[in-house]
N, C-alpha and C. Protein backbone atom coordinates (compact mmCIF):
# COMPACT_ATOMS: atom_id res chain seq x y z
N MET A 1 -19.76 -4.79 14.49
CA MET A 1 -18.68 -3.48 13.39
C MET A 1 -17.68 -4.30 12.81
N THR A 2 -17.27 -4.24 11.58
CA THR A 2 -16.31 -4.57 11.31
C THR A 2 -15.22 -3.03 11.04
N ARG A 3 -13.78 -3.27 10.98
CA ARG A 3 -13.19 -2.22 10.82
C ARG A 3 -12.02 -2.55 9.78
N THR A 4 -12.34 -1.98 8.84
CA THR A 4 -11.31 -1.51 7.88
C THR A 4 -9.62 -0.89 7.76
N ARG A 5 -8.53 -1.91 7.66
CA ARG A 5 -7.96 -0.63 8.07
C ARG A 5 -7.30 -0.01 6.87
N ILE A 6 -6.43 1.25 6.87
CA ILE A 6 -6.61 2.12 5.94
C ILE A 6 -4.49 2.12 6.33
N LYS A 7 -4.55 2.11 4.24
CA LYS A 7 -3.04 2.03 4.27
C LYS A 7 -2.76 3.81 4.16
N PHE A 8 -1.84 4.31 3.60
CA PHE A 8 -2.17 5.75 3.22
C PHE A 8 -0.09 5.83 2.47
N CYS A 9 -0.58 5.62 1.22
CA CYS A 9 1.12 5.87 0.99
C CYS A 9 1.33 6.17 -0.08
N GLY A 10 2.83 6.62 -0.15
CA GLY A 10 3.60 7.90 -0.65
C GLY A 10 4.10 8.84 0.07
N LEU A 11 3.83 8.83 1.26
CA LEU A 11 4.35 10.03 2.03
C LEU A 11 5.76 10.66 2.20
N THR A 12 5.84 11.25 2.61
CA THR A 12 7.27 12.06 1.83
C THR A 12 7.42 13.36 2.79
N ARG A 13 6.51 13.81 3.30
CA ARG A 13 6.39 15.40 4.33
C ARG A 13 5.87 14.45 5.92
N ALA A 14 6.98 15.72 6.76
CA ALA A 14 6.53 15.32 7.93
C ALA A 14 4.63 15.47 8.18
N ASP A 15 4.68 16.86 7.25
CA ASP A 15 3.36 17.34 7.98
C ASP A 15 2.60 15.94 7.31
N ASP A 16 2.72 15.24 6.52
CA ASP A 16 1.22 14.23 6.07
C ASP A 16 1.47 13.29 6.73
N VAL A 17 2.68 12.51 7.07
CA VAL A 17 2.68 11.48 8.18
C VAL A 17 1.86 12.05 9.86
N ARG A 18 1.99 13.37 10.40
CA ARG A 18 2.11 13.32 11.42
C ARG A 18 -0.21 14.04 11.12
N ALA A 19 -0.91 14.48 10.05
CA ALA A 19 -2.03 14.54 10.01
C ALA A 19 -2.32 12.73 9.81
N ALA A 20 -1.70 11.91 9.69
CA ALA A 20 -2.05 10.38 9.10
C ALA A 20 -2.14 10.14 10.20
N VAL A 21 -1.41 10.31 10.98
CA VAL A 21 -1.29 9.24 13.03
C VAL A 21 -2.13 9.88 13.09
N ALA A 22 -2.78 11.21 13.09
CA ALA A 22 -4.06 11.87 14.03
C ALA A 22 -5.37 11.08 13.54
N LEU A 23 -5.38 10.93 12.47
CA LEU A 23 -6.31 10.60 11.67
C LEU A 23 -6.72 8.86 12.15
N GLY A 24 -5.29 8.14 12.25
CA GLY A 24 -5.65 7.01 13.34
C GLY A 24 -5.42 5.59 11.78
N VAL A 25 -4.32 6.58 10.98
CA VAL A 25 -4.67 5.51 10.32
C VAL A 25 -3.72 4.16 10.15
N ASP A 26 -3.82 3.22 9.67
CA ASP A 26 -3.28 1.90 10.75
C ASP A 26 -1.80 1.21 10.45
N ALA A 27 -1.32 2.22 8.86
CA ALA A 27 -0.37 1.87 8.47
C ALA A 27 0.36 3.01 7.11
N LEU A 28 1.78 2.67 6.95
CA LEU A 28 2.13 4.73 5.81
C LEU A 28 3.00 3.23 5.23
N GLY A 29 3.01 3.73 4.20
CA GLY A 29 3.76 3.05 2.91
C GLY A 29 4.53 4.53 2.01
N PHE A 30 6.18 4.10 2.58
CA PHE A 30 7.14 4.54 1.90
C PHE A 30 7.25 3.77 0.62
N VAL A 31 7.91 4.68 -0.52
CA VAL A 31 8.20 3.98 -1.88
C VAL A 31 9.87 4.48 -1.64
N PHE A 32 10.10 2.86 -2.39
CA PHE A 32 11.62 3.19 -2.29
C PHE A 32 12.29 2.54 -3.27
N THR A 33 11.57 2.96 -4.58
CA THR A 33 11.79 2.39 -5.79
C THR A 33 12.08 3.60 -7.08
N ARG A 34 12.93 4.29 -7.09
CA ARG A 34 13.67 5.49 -7.65
C ARG A 34 12.80 5.75 -8.73
N ARG A 35 11.86 5.48 -9.93
CA ARG A 35 11.30 5.78 -10.88
C ARG A 35 9.81 6.21 -10.63
N SER A 36 10.00 6.22 -9.10
CA SER A 36 7.97 6.81 -8.97
C SER A 36 8.64 7.72 -8.49
N ARG A 37 7.94 8.85 -9.18
CA ARG A 37 7.26 10.00 -8.75
C ARG A 37 6.74 10.59 -7.53
N ARG A 38 6.94 9.73 -6.23
CA ARG A 38 7.03 9.51 -4.69
C ARG A 38 8.59 9.24 -3.92
N PHE A 39 9.24 8.82 -4.75
CA PHE A 39 10.64 8.00 -4.16
C PHE A 39 10.98 9.14 -2.71
N VAL A 40 11.49 8.07 -1.97
CA VAL A 40 12.14 9.25 -0.64
C VAL A 40 12.97 8.37 -0.42
N GLU A 41 14.28 9.17 0.33
CA GLU A 41 16.02 8.35 0.71
C GLU A 41 15.44 7.58 1.82
N PRO A 42 16.28 6.72 2.19
CA PRO A 42 16.22 5.95 3.30
C PRO A 42 16.20 6.74 4.73
N ALA A 43 16.86 7.96 4.47
CA ALA A 43 17.23 8.82 5.53
C ALA A 43 16.04 9.16 6.10
N GLU A 44 15.67 9.94 4.90
CA GLU A 44 14.39 11.39 5.07
C GLU A 44 13.49 9.93 5.43
N ALA A 45 13.36 8.45 5.26
CA ALA A 45 11.81 7.45 5.42
C ALA A 45 12.51 7.40 6.95
N ARG A 46 13.94 7.23 7.48
CA ARG A 46 13.93 7.10 8.66
C ARG A 46 13.65 8.08 9.77
N ALA A 47 13.90 9.03 9.16
CA ALA A 47 13.48 10.35 9.81
C ALA A 47 11.99 10.69 10.12
N LEU A 48 11.24 10.43 8.96
CA LEU A 48 9.60 10.67 8.89
C LEU A 48 9.05 9.65 9.94
N ARG A 49 9.77 8.25 10.38
CA ARG A 49 9.24 6.63 10.82
C ARG A 49 9.47 7.51 12.90
N GLY A 50 10.67 8.16 13.16
CA GLY A 50 10.31 9.07 14.55
C GLY A 50 9.24 9.50 14.53
N GLU A 51 8.34 10.20 13.53
CA GLU A 51 7.15 10.97 13.60
C GLU A 51 6.03 9.72 14.32
N LEU A 52 6.28 8.87 14.26
CA LEU A 52 5.50 7.85 14.14
C LEU A 52 4.67 6.94 15.87
N PRO A 53 4.11 6.67 16.51
CA PRO A 53 3.95 6.72 17.66
C PRO A 53 3.68 4.78 17.30
N PRO A 54 3.87 4.37 18.68
CA PRO A 54 3.57 2.76 18.59
C PRO A 54 2.03 2.64 17.56
N PHE A 55 1.80 1.01 17.28
CA PHE A 55 1.19 0.41 16.60
C PHE A 55 1.02 1.37 14.93
N VAL A 56 1.58 2.10 14.33
CA VAL A 56 1.69 2.43 13.37
C VAL A 56 2.47 1.59 12.76
N ASP A 57 2.54 1.09 12.08
CA ASP A 57 3.01 0.78 10.74
C ASP A 57 3.79 0.82 9.43
N VAL A 58 5.03 0.71 9.13
CA VAL A 58 6.28 1.29 8.15
C VAL A 58 5.63 0.12 7.28
N VAL A 59 5.49 0.26 6.05
CA VAL A 59 5.64 -0.78 5.22
C VAL A 59 6.78 0.29 3.93
N ALA A 60 7.50 -0.55 3.63
CA ALA A 60 8.44 -0.38 2.82
C ALA A 60 8.05 -1.08 1.40
N LEU A 61 8.22 -0.28 0.12
CA LEU A 61 7.10 -0.41 -1.04
C LEU A 61 8.70 -0.56 -1.96
N PHE A 62 8.86 -1.45 -2.83
CA PHE A 62 9.72 -1.70 -3.82
C PHE A 62 9.06 -2.51 -5.26
N MET A 63 9.65 -2.17 -6.74
CA MET A 63 9.04 -3.18 -7.75
C MET A 63 10.49 -3.51 -8.50
N ASP A 64 10.91 -4.61 -7.92
CA ASP A 64 12.00 -5.04 -9.08
C ASP A 64 13.37 -4.43 -8.63
N ASP A 65 12.91 -4.14 -7.58
CA ASP A 65 15.29 -3.34 -7.21
C ASP A 65 16.08 -4.75 -6.89
N GLU A 66 16.84 -4.43 -6.86
CA GLU A 66 18.00 -5.07 -6.73
C GLU A 66 18.11 -5.29 -5.53
N ALA A 67 18.25 -6.83 -4.90
CA ALA A 67 18.25 -6.99 -2.97
C ALA A 67 19.07 -5.97 -2.48
N ASP A 68 20.33 -5.49 -3.11
CA ASP A 68 21.38 -5.00 -1.91
C ASP A 68 20.48 -3.80 -1.76
N TRP A 69 19.70 -3.31 -2.70
CA TRP A 69 19.49 -1.99 -2.31
C TRP A 69 18.16 -1.94 -1.56
N ILE A 70 17.04 -2.92 -1.71
CA ILE A 70 16.16 -3.83 -0.26
C ILE A 70 17.08 -3.90 1.23
N GLU A 71 18.16 -4.61 0.69
CA GLU A 71 18.74 -5.08 2.26
C GLU A 71 19.17 -3.71 2.89
N GLN A 72 19.90 -2.62 1.93
CA GLN A 72 20.32 -1.22 2.97
C GLN A 72 19.68 -0.40 3.55
N VAL A 73 18.06 -0.42 2.43
CA VAL A 73 16.76 0.39 2.92
C VAL A 73 16.46 -0.63 4.45
N VAL A 74 16.22 -1.60 4.81
CA VAL A 74 15.98 -3.04 5.49
C VAL A 74 16.72 -2.08 6.67
N SER A 75 18.00 -2.05 6.47
CA SER A 75 18.85 -1.83 7.28
C SER A 75 18.53 -0.65 8.19
N ILE A 76 18.36 0.59 7.25
CA ILE A 76 18.32 2.16 7.83
C ILE A 76 16.99 2.16 8.62
N VAL A 77 15.56 1.88 7.24
CA VAL A 77 14.84 2.04 8.16
C VAL A 77 13.49 1.42 9.20
N GLN A 78 14.20 0.02 9.21
CA GLN A 78 13.55 -1.15 9.47
C GLN A 78 12.30 -0.88 9.53
N PRO A 79 11.59 -1.11 8.39
CA PRO A 79 10.02 -1.53 8.05
C PRO A 79 9.50 -2.70 8.98
N ASP A 80 8.16 -2.63 9.07
CA ASP A 80 7.99 -3.26 9.40
C ASP A 80 7.20 -4.31 8.64
N LEU A 81 6.31 -4.46 7.25
CA LEU A 81 6.63 -5.05 6.40
C LEU A 81 7.07 -4.24 5.05
N LEU A 82 7.61 -5.20 4.10
CA LEU A 82 7.48 -4.83 2.46
C LEU A 82 6.31 -5.42 1.57
N GLN A 83 6.49 -4.45 0.28
CA GLN A 83 5.37 -4.55 -0.32
C GLN A 83 6.35 -5.14 -1.92
N PHE A 84 5.83 -5.24 -2.48
CA PHE A 84 6.64 -6.06 -3.49
C PHE A 84 5.29 -5.78 -4.92
N HIS A 85 6.04 -4.95 -5.42
CA HIS A 85 5.72 -4.74 -7.17
C HIS A 85 5.43 -5.23 -8.25
N GLY A 86 6.76 -5.78 -8.07
CA GLY A 86 6.83 -6.39 -9.59
C GLY A 86 7.40 -7.50 -9.50
N GLU A 87 7.32 -7.74 -10.55
CA GLU A 87 7.99 -9.36 -10.93
C GLU A 87 9.08 -10.64 -10.26
N GLU A 88 8.81 -10.08 -8.71
CA GLU A 88 9.86 -10.30 -7.86
C GLU A 88 8.81 -12.48 -7.20
N THR A 89 10.21 -12.55 -7.65
CA THR A 89 9.65 -14.30 -6.68
C THR A 89 9.58 -14.75 -5.29
N PRO A 90 9.00 -15.50 -5.77
CA PRO A 90 8.07 -16.08 -4.36
C PRO A 90 9.68 -15.67 -3.12
N GLU A 91 10.52 -16.54 -3.77
CA GLU A 91 11.70 -16.58 -3.19
C GLU A 91 12.44 -15.60 -3.19
N PHE A 92 12.41 -14.53 -3.98
CA PHE A 92 13.32 -13.02 -4.05
C PHE A 92 12.63 -12.52 -2.85
N ALA A 93 11.05 -12.72 -2.92
CA ALA A 93 10.31 -11.27 -1.56
C ALA A 93 10.38 -12.46 -0.07
N ALA A 94 10.85 -13.52 -0.52
CA ALA A 94 10.52 -13.81 1.09
C ALA A 94 12.40 -13.92 1.80
N ARG A 95 13.83 -13.46 1.18
CA ARG A 95 14.82 -13.82 1.74
C ARG A 95 15.53 -12.23 2.36
N PHE A 96 14.82 -11.64 3.18
CA PHE A 96 15.52 -10.23 3.88
C PHE A 96 14.54 -10.63 5.29
N GLY A 97 14.21 -11.87 5.42
CA GLY A 97 14.02 -11.07 7.02
C GLY A 97 12.77 -10.69 7.17
N ARG A 98 12.24 -10.15 7.00
CA ARG A 98 10.21 -9.22 6.94
C ARG A 98 9.54 -10.63 5.92
N PRO A 99 7.95 -9.73 7.58
CA PRO A 99 6.72 -10.45 6.50
C PRO A 99 6.79 -9.71 5.43
N TYR A 100 6.21 -10.07 4.13
CA TYR A 100 5.41 -9.52 3.73
C TYR A 100 3.85 -9.09 2.39
N LEU A 101 3.68 -8.16 1.67
CA LEU A 101 2.85 -8.48 1.14
C LEU A 101 3.46 -8.78 -0.72
N LYS A 102 2.20 -8.96 -1.81
CA LYS A 102 2.66 -9.33 -2.37
C LYS A 102 1.51 -8.75 -3.94
N ALA A 103 1.74 -7.62 -4.16
CA ALA A 103 0.78 -6.39 -5.15
C ALA A 103 0.46 -7.39 -6.21
N VAL A 104 -1.08 -7.29 -6.74
CA VAL A 104 -1.25 -7.91 -7.80
C VAL A 104 -1.21 -7.35 -9.21
N PRO A 105 -1.08 -7.56 -10.11
CA PRO A 105 -1.89 -6.29 -11.06
C PRO A 105 -2.42 -6.44 -11.95
N MET A 106 -3.90 -6.27 -11.60
CA MET A 106 -5.18 -6.62 -11.90
C MET A 106 -5.67 -6.72 -13.33
N ALA A 107 -4.67 -5.57 -13.96
CA ALA A 107 -4.75 -4.95 -15.18
C ALA A 107 -4.57 -5.75 -16.24
N SER A 108 -3.04 -6.76 -15.95
CA SER A 108 -2.67 -7.90 -16.76
C SER A 108 -3.08 -9.31 -16.21
N VAL A 109 -3.33 -9.97 -14.95
CA VAL A 109 -2.91 -10.91 -14.42
C VAL A 109 -4.57 -11.28 -15.42
N ALA A 110 -4.59 -12.68 -15.86
CA ALA A 110 -5.50 -13.58 -16.10
C ALA A 110 -6.35 -14.29 -15.28
N ASP A 111 -5.48 -14.23 -14.54
CA ASP A 111 -6.04 -15.54 -13.52
C ASP A 111 -5.41 -14.99 -11.98
N ALA A 112 -5.80 -14.14 -11.39
CA ALA A 112 -5.35 -13.08 -10.01
C ALA A 112 -5.43 -14.71 -9.02
N ALA A 113 -6.40 -15.50 -8.19
CA ALA A 113 -5.87 -16.13 -7.88
C ALA A 113 -4.61 -17.01 -7.90
N ALA A 114 -4.67 -18.02 -9.10
CA ALA A 114 -3.37 -18.61 -9.27
C ALA A 114 -2.03 -17.66 -9.72
N TYR A 115 -2.08 -16.82 -9.03
CA TYR A 115 -0.38 -15.76 -9.42
C TYR A 115 -0.43 -15.64 -7.58
N ALA A 116 -1.86 -15.59 -7.16
CA ALA A 116 -1.14 -15.37 -5.41
C ALA A 116 -0.85 -16.90 -4.64
N ARG A 117 -0.97 -18.30 -5.68
CA ARG A 117 -1.13 -19.07 -4.85
C ARG A 117 0.43 -19.33 -5.06
N ARG A 118 1.25 -18.98 -6.24
CA ARG A 118 2.84 -18.65 -5.78
C ARG A 118 2.96 -17.82 -4.86
N TYR A 119 2.58 -17.12 -4.21
CA TYR A 119 3.39 -16.63 -3.07
C TYR A 119 2.34 -17.67 -1.72
N VAL A 120 3.13 -18.29 -1.76
CA VAL A 120 3.32 -19.18 -0.25
C VAL A 120 2.90 -18.40 1.16
N GLY A 121 4.24 -17.76 0.72
CA GLY A 121 4.83 -17.13 2.21
C GLY A 121 4.10 -15.79 2.63
N ALA A 122 3.43 -14.95 1.56
CA ALA A 122 2.70 -13.70 1.76
C ALA A 122 2.00 -13.40 2.73
N ARG A 123 2.23 -12.11 3.52
CA ARG A 123 1.49 -12.05 4.49
C ARG A 123 -0.52 -12.01 4.43
N GLY A 124 -0.37 -11.44 3.08
CA GLY A 124 -1.37 -10.75 2.19
C GLY A 124 -1.43 -10.15 1.20
N PHE A 125 -2.66 -9.90 -0.02
CA PHE A 125 -2.24 -9.33 -1.42
C PHE A 125 -2.96 -7.82 -1.11
N LEU A 126 -1.88 -7.29 -1.87
CA LEU A 126 -2.26 -5.60 -2.68
C LEU A 126 -2.87 -5.87 -4.24
N LEU A 127 -4.85 -5.91 -4.21
CA LEU A 127 -4.94 -5.80 -5.83
C LEU A 127 -4.67 -4.72 -5.85
N ASP A 128 -4.67 -4.64 -7.53
CA ASP A 128 -4.45 -3.24 -7.45
C ASP A 128 -4.40 -2.94 -9.09
N SER A 129 -4.74 -1.62 -9.49
CA SER A 129 -4.96 -1.62 -11.33
C SER A 129 -3.58 -1.27 -12.23
N HIS A 130 -2.47 -1.45 -11.81
CA HIS A 130 -1.66 -1.40 -11.75
C HIS A 130 -1.34 -2.66 -13.64
N ALA A 131 -0.46 -2.11 -14.58
CA ALA A 131 -0.35 -3.72 -15.23
C ALA A 131 1.05 -3.56 -14.45
N SER A 132 1.05 -4.99 -15.35
CA SER A 132 2.76 -5.63 -14.68
C SER A 132 3.77 -4.96 -15.11
N GLY A 133 5.05 -4.51 -14.37
CA GLY A 133 6.10 -3.43 -14.91
C GLY A 133 4.76 -2.14 -15.11
N ALA A 134 4.27 -1.96 -14.42
CA ALA A 134 3.63 -0.19 -13.87
C ALA A 134 3.85 -0.21 -12.96
N VAL A 135 4.08 0.95 -12.43
CA VAL A 135 4.39 1.81 -10.67
C VAL A 135 2.44 2.32 -10.90
N GLY A 136 2.77 1.68 -9.37
CA GLY A 136 0.99 2.48 -9.36
C GLY A 136 0.51 3.20 -8.67
N GLY A 137 -0.06 4.16 -8.38
CA GLY A 137 -0.80 5.58 -7.68
C GLY A 137 -0.58 6.77 -9.21
N THR A 138 -1.59 5.42 -10.41
CA THR A 138 -2.31 6.24 -11.32
C THR A 138 -3.28 6.74 -10.98
N GLY A 139 -3.93 6.26 -9.89
CA GLY A 139 -5.46 7.08 -9.95
C GLY A 139 -6.54 6.94 -10.33
N ALA A 140 -6.39 5.38 -11.38
CA ALA A 140 -7.20 4.29 -12.05
C ALA A 140 -7.66 3.55 -11.36
N ALA A 141 -8.85 2.83 -11.09
CA ALA A 141 -9.87 1.69 -10.77
C ALA A 141 -9.48 0.22 -11.46
N PHE A 142 -9.94 -0.82 -11.07
CA PHE A 142 -10.30 -1.85 -11.58
C PHE A 142 -11.25 -2.31 -11.54
N ASP A 143 -11.71 -3.45 -12.36
CA ASP A 143 -13.36 -3.91 -12.84
C ASP A 143 -13.09 -4.56 -11.25
N TRP A 144 -14.24 -3.88 -9.83
CA TRP A 144 -13.67 -5.16 -8.83
C TRP A 144 -14.51 -6.19 -8.91
N SER A 145 -15.41 -6.59 -9.73
CA SER A 145 -16.05 -8.07 -9.58
C SER A 145 -14.93 -8.89 -9.93
N LYS A 146 -14.17 -8.47 -10.54
CA LYS A 146 -12.91 -9.26 -11.19
C LYS A 146 -12.21 -9.54 -9.83
N SER A 147 -12.00 -9.23 -7.82
CA SER A 147 -11.53 -9.34 -7.08
C SER A 147 -11.86 -11.08 -7.04
N PRO A 148 -10.61 -11.64 -6.51
CA PRO A 148 -10.55 -13.04 -6.32
C PRO A 148 -10.57 -13.47 -4.96
N ARG A 149 -10.90 -14.24 -4.37
CA ARG A 149 -11.23 -14.52 -3.09
C ARG A 149 -10.18 -15.39 -2.57
N LEU A 150 -9.25 -14.38 -1.75
CA LEU A 150 -8.27 -15.37 -1.03
C LEU A 150 -7.97 -15.78 0.43
N ALA A 151 -7.98 -16.88 0.64
CA ALA A 151 -7.43 -17.02 2.01
C ALA A 151 -6.77 -16.00 2.96
N GLN A 152 -5.57 -15.28 2.34
CA GLN A 152 -5.46 -13.98 3.16
C GLN A 152 -6.08 -13.28 2.88
N PRO A 153 -5.35 -12.16 4.00
CA PRO A 153 -6.26 -10.71 3.76
C PRO A 153 -5.49 -10.06 2.24
N VAL A 154 -6.73 -9.62 2.17
CA VAL A 154 -6.82 -9.05 0.76
C VAL A 154 -6.93 -7.19 1.25
N VAL A 155 -5.84 -5.95 0.47
CA VAL A 155 -5.94 -4.81 0.95
C VAL A 155 -6.25 -4.56 -0.84
N LEU A 156 -6.87 -3.52 -1.01
CA LEU A 156 -7.66 -2.84 -2.16
C LEU A 156 -6.87 -1.51 -1.95
N ALA A 157 -6.36 -2.08 -3.89
CA ALA A 157 -6.09 -0.65 -3.66
C ALA A 157 -6.29 0.15 -5.40
N GLY A 158 -5.59 1.25 -5.75
CA GLY A 158 -6.19 1.72 -6.95
C GLY A 158 -7.13 2.62 -7.26
N GLY A 159 -6.64 3.17 -7.79
CA GLY A 159 -8.44 4.45 -8.00
C GLY A 159 -9.15 4.80 -7.01
N LEU A 160 -8.63 4.84 -5.67
CA LEU A 160 -9.87 4.93 -4.56
C LEU A 160 -9.59 6.09 -3.86
N ASP A 161 -10.88 6.46 -3.96
CA ASP A 161 -10.54 7.55 -2.91
C ASP A 161 -11.79 7.78 -2.39
N ALA A 162 -12.16 9.35 -1.19
CA ALA A 162 -13.94 9.21 -0.85
C ALA A 162 -15.36 9.94 -1.19
N ARG A 163 -14.57 9.13 -2.94
CA ARG A 163 -15.78 9.24 -3.46
C ARG A 163 -16.56 7.95 -3.40
N ASN A 164 -15.37 6.70 -3.88
CA ASN A 164 -15.74 5.68 -4.66
C ASN A 164 -15.37 4.53 -2.80
N VAL A 165 -14.06 5.01 -2.15
CA VAL A 165 -14.16 3.65 -0.59
C VAL A 165 -15.19 2.89 -0.47
N GLY A 166 -16.13 3.81 0.36
CA GLY A 166 -17.45 3.12 0.43
C GLY A 166 -17.94 2.14 -0.53
N GLU A 167 -18.32 2.01 -1.75
CA GLU A 167 -18.65 1.24 -2.76
C GLU A 167 -18.31 0.13 -2.58
N ALA A 168 -16.69 0.48 -2.41
CA ALA A 168 -15.82 -0.92 -2.45
C ALA A 168 -15.37 -1.99 -1.17
N ILE A 169 -15.68 -0.99 -0.37
CA ILE A 169 -15.75 -1.70 0.83
C ILE A 169 -17.38 -2.35 1.03
N ALA A 170 -18.18 -2.08 1.17
CA ALA A 170 -19.54 -2.34 0.60
C ALA A 170 -19.37 -3.74 -0.36
N MET A 171 -18.56 -3.95 -1.68
CA MET A 171 -18.72 -4.90 -2.16
C MET A 171 -17.71 -5.90 -1.91
N LEU A 172 -16.38 -5.75 -1.72
CA LEU A 172 -16.01 -6.61 -1.00
C LEU A 172 -15.27 -7.07 -0.20
N ARG A 173 -15.76 -5.53 1.27
CA ARG A 173 -15.34 -6.44 2.57
C ARG A 173 -13.82 -6.38 2.62
N PRO A 174 -12.89 -5.75 1.61
CA PRO A 174 -11.16 -6.20 2.02
C PRO A 174 -10.44 -5.84 3.86
N TYR A 175 -10.02 -6.08 3.60
CA TYR A 175 -9.00 -6.59 5.41
C TYR A 175 -9.10 -4.79 5.47
N ALA A 176 -7.98 -4.68 4.12
CA ALA A 176 -7.55 -3.03 4.00
C ALA A 176 -7.89 -2.36 2.82
N VAL A 177 -7.66 -0.44 3.38
CA VAL A 177 -7.60 -0.19 2.03
C VAL A 177 -6.37 0.63 0.94
N ASP A 178 -6.43 1.08 0.53
CA ASP A 178 -5.14 1.93 0.50
C ASP A 178 -4.91 2.92 -1.12
N VAL A 179 -4.89 4.26 -0.51
CA VAL A 179 -4.44 4.82 -1.39
C VAL A 179 -3.09 5.70 -1.29
N SER A 180 -3.31 6.15 -2.46
CA SER A 180 -2.24 7.16 -2.87
C SER A 180 -2.76 8.26 -3.31
N SER A 181 -2.65 7.99 -4.45
CA SER A 181 -3.36 9.24 -5.46
C SER A 181 -4.87 10.13 -4.56
N GLY A 182 -5.37 9.17 -4.53
CA GLY A 182 -6.69 9.62 -3.71
C GLY A 182 -6.25 10.52 -3.04
N ILE A 183 -5.57 10.40 -2.32
CA ILE A 183 -5.71 11.73 -1.24
C ILE A 183 -4.22 13.17 -1.38
N GLU A 184 -3.74 13.65 -2.98
CA GLU A 184 -2.88 13.73 -2.54
C GLU A 184 -2.84 15.58 -4.35
N ALA A 185 -2.30 16.47 -3.07
CA ALA A 185 -2.97 17.57 -4.07
C ALA A 185 -1.23 17.36 -5.91
N ALA A 186 -0.47 16.51 -5.31
CA ALA A 186 0.67 15.99 -5.83
C ALA A 186 1.39 14.83 -6.05
N PRO A 187 1.76 14.94 -6.78
CA PRO A 187 2.54 13.61 -6.12
C PRO A 187 3.52 13.14 -4.51
N GLY A 188 3.38 12.83 -3.91
CA GLY A 188 4.18 12.39 -2.97
C GLY A 188 3.62 14.12 -1.78
N VAL A 189 2.60 14.41 -2.29
CA VAL A 189 2.24 15.51 -1.01
C VAL A 189 0.72 15.49 -1.70
N LYS A 190 0.68 15.50 0.30
CA LYS A 190 -0.92 14.76 0.42
C LYS A 190 -1.69 15.95 0.81
N ASP A 191 -2.56 16.28 0.91
CA ASP A 191 -4.05 16.49 0.85
C ASP A 191 -4.84 16.64 1.73
N ALA A 192 -4.95 17.66 2.77
CA ALA A 192 -4.93 17.05 4.76
C ALA A 192 -6.83 16.85 4.50
N ALA A 193 -7.63 17.85 3.57
CA ALA A 193 -8.63 17.35 3.67
C ALA A 193 -9.03 16.66 3.31
N LYS A 194 -8.64 15.88 1.81
CA LYS A 194 -8.37 14.79 0.82
C LYS A 194 -8.69 13.32 2.20
N MET A 195 -7.44 13.90 2.75
CA MET A 195 -6.97 12.74 4.13
C MET A 195 -8.03 12.00 5.36
N GLN A 196 -8.34 13.06 4.85
CA GLN A 196 -9.52 13.18 6.57
C GLN A 196 -11.43 13.00 5.96
N ALA A 197 -11.05 13.37 4.33
CA ALA A 197 -12.76 12.87 3.45
C ALA A 197 -12.68 11.52 3.36
N PHE A 198 -11.20 10.52 3.17
CA PHE A 198 -11.62 9.47 3.22
C PHE A 198 -11.15 8.45 4.17
N VAL A 199 -10.94 8.89 5.33
CA VAL A 199 -10.72 7.90 5.96
C VAL A 199 -12.13 8.31 6.82
N ALA A 200 -13.26 9.36 6.85
CA ALA A 200 -14.30 9.44 7.20
C ALA A 200 -14.93 8.72 6.14
N ALA A 201 -14.84 8.60 5.11
CA ALA A 201 -15.80 7.20 3.70
C ALA A 201 -15.56 5.83 4.49
N VAL A 202 -14.64 5.43 5.08
CA VAL A 202 -13.95 4.57 5.29
C VAL A 202 -14.91 3.90 6.39
N ARG A 203 -14.73 4.82 7.70
CA ARG A 203 -15.76 4.53 8.26
C ARG A 203 -17.15 4.28 8.97
N ALA A 204 -17.25 4.89 7.84
CA ALA A 204 -18.77 4.99 7.58
C ALA A 204 -19.24 3.78 6.65
N ALA A 205 -18.26 3.52 6.24
CA ALA A 205 -18.54 1.94 5.48
C ALA A 205 -18.28 1.13 6.62
N ASP A 206 -18.05 1.08 7.54
CA ASP A 206 -17.65 0.83 8.46
C ASP A 206 -19.04 -0.30 9.14
N ARG A 207 -19.38 1.05 9.61
CA ARG A 207 -21.08 0.91 9.78
C ARG A 207 -22.32 -0.04 9.64
C-alpha cells in the first residue's frame, strides 16, 4: 500500500496544530510572507512548534522575501524544510543551509518540467495552482493532466479538499498532498471536521 504524505499549511493556532498531530499529519507549514492572510510571526511559530512530537516536520514558507528575514526566521523557528513560492533563484534557495521545496506556479509556467530542472538542489517540487507572483491558498485547482513527471518527489497542492483529493491521488500518485484553504473555516483558522475528512479521504485513496 502506498502511503501519501500529508502537509497542512497556513497554521496559526495551537488548537489546530494539536488537531493535525492527532490526525497523523506528516508536516505543518507556517507562512512567513507578510502579505499572506496566514502570516505568523516567528516567535509564534516557535511556540507552535513546541506542540509537536518527534517526526512531524516544520516547513517555513516564503515568497520573494529578503534574505535577512529568511535567516531570522530560520534562526528562531529552526524549520526542517524551507518552501519557496516566488521567483527565488536556485542559488538563493540553496543559501540558507536547509533543504528546500520549490513551488511550481502551474497557472503561468509553460514547461513545468523545464522550470523544475533549474532547481537541481530542491528536495522536491510543490505543484500549485497559483500564478507567478501570486500567493497560494486560493482554493483553486489546476489541470492535473498537465502535471510533469519529475525525478524528485512531487507535492500536489492547489484547491485540494476532502471531495477531490482522492481523485487527485488516484490520477497522479504524488509523494504528498498539501492543503490550506480546503481545511479552513477562515484564512489561518482551520476546521476540525474538514481536517479529519481530508485525512480520511487521503487514507481511503491509499488503500
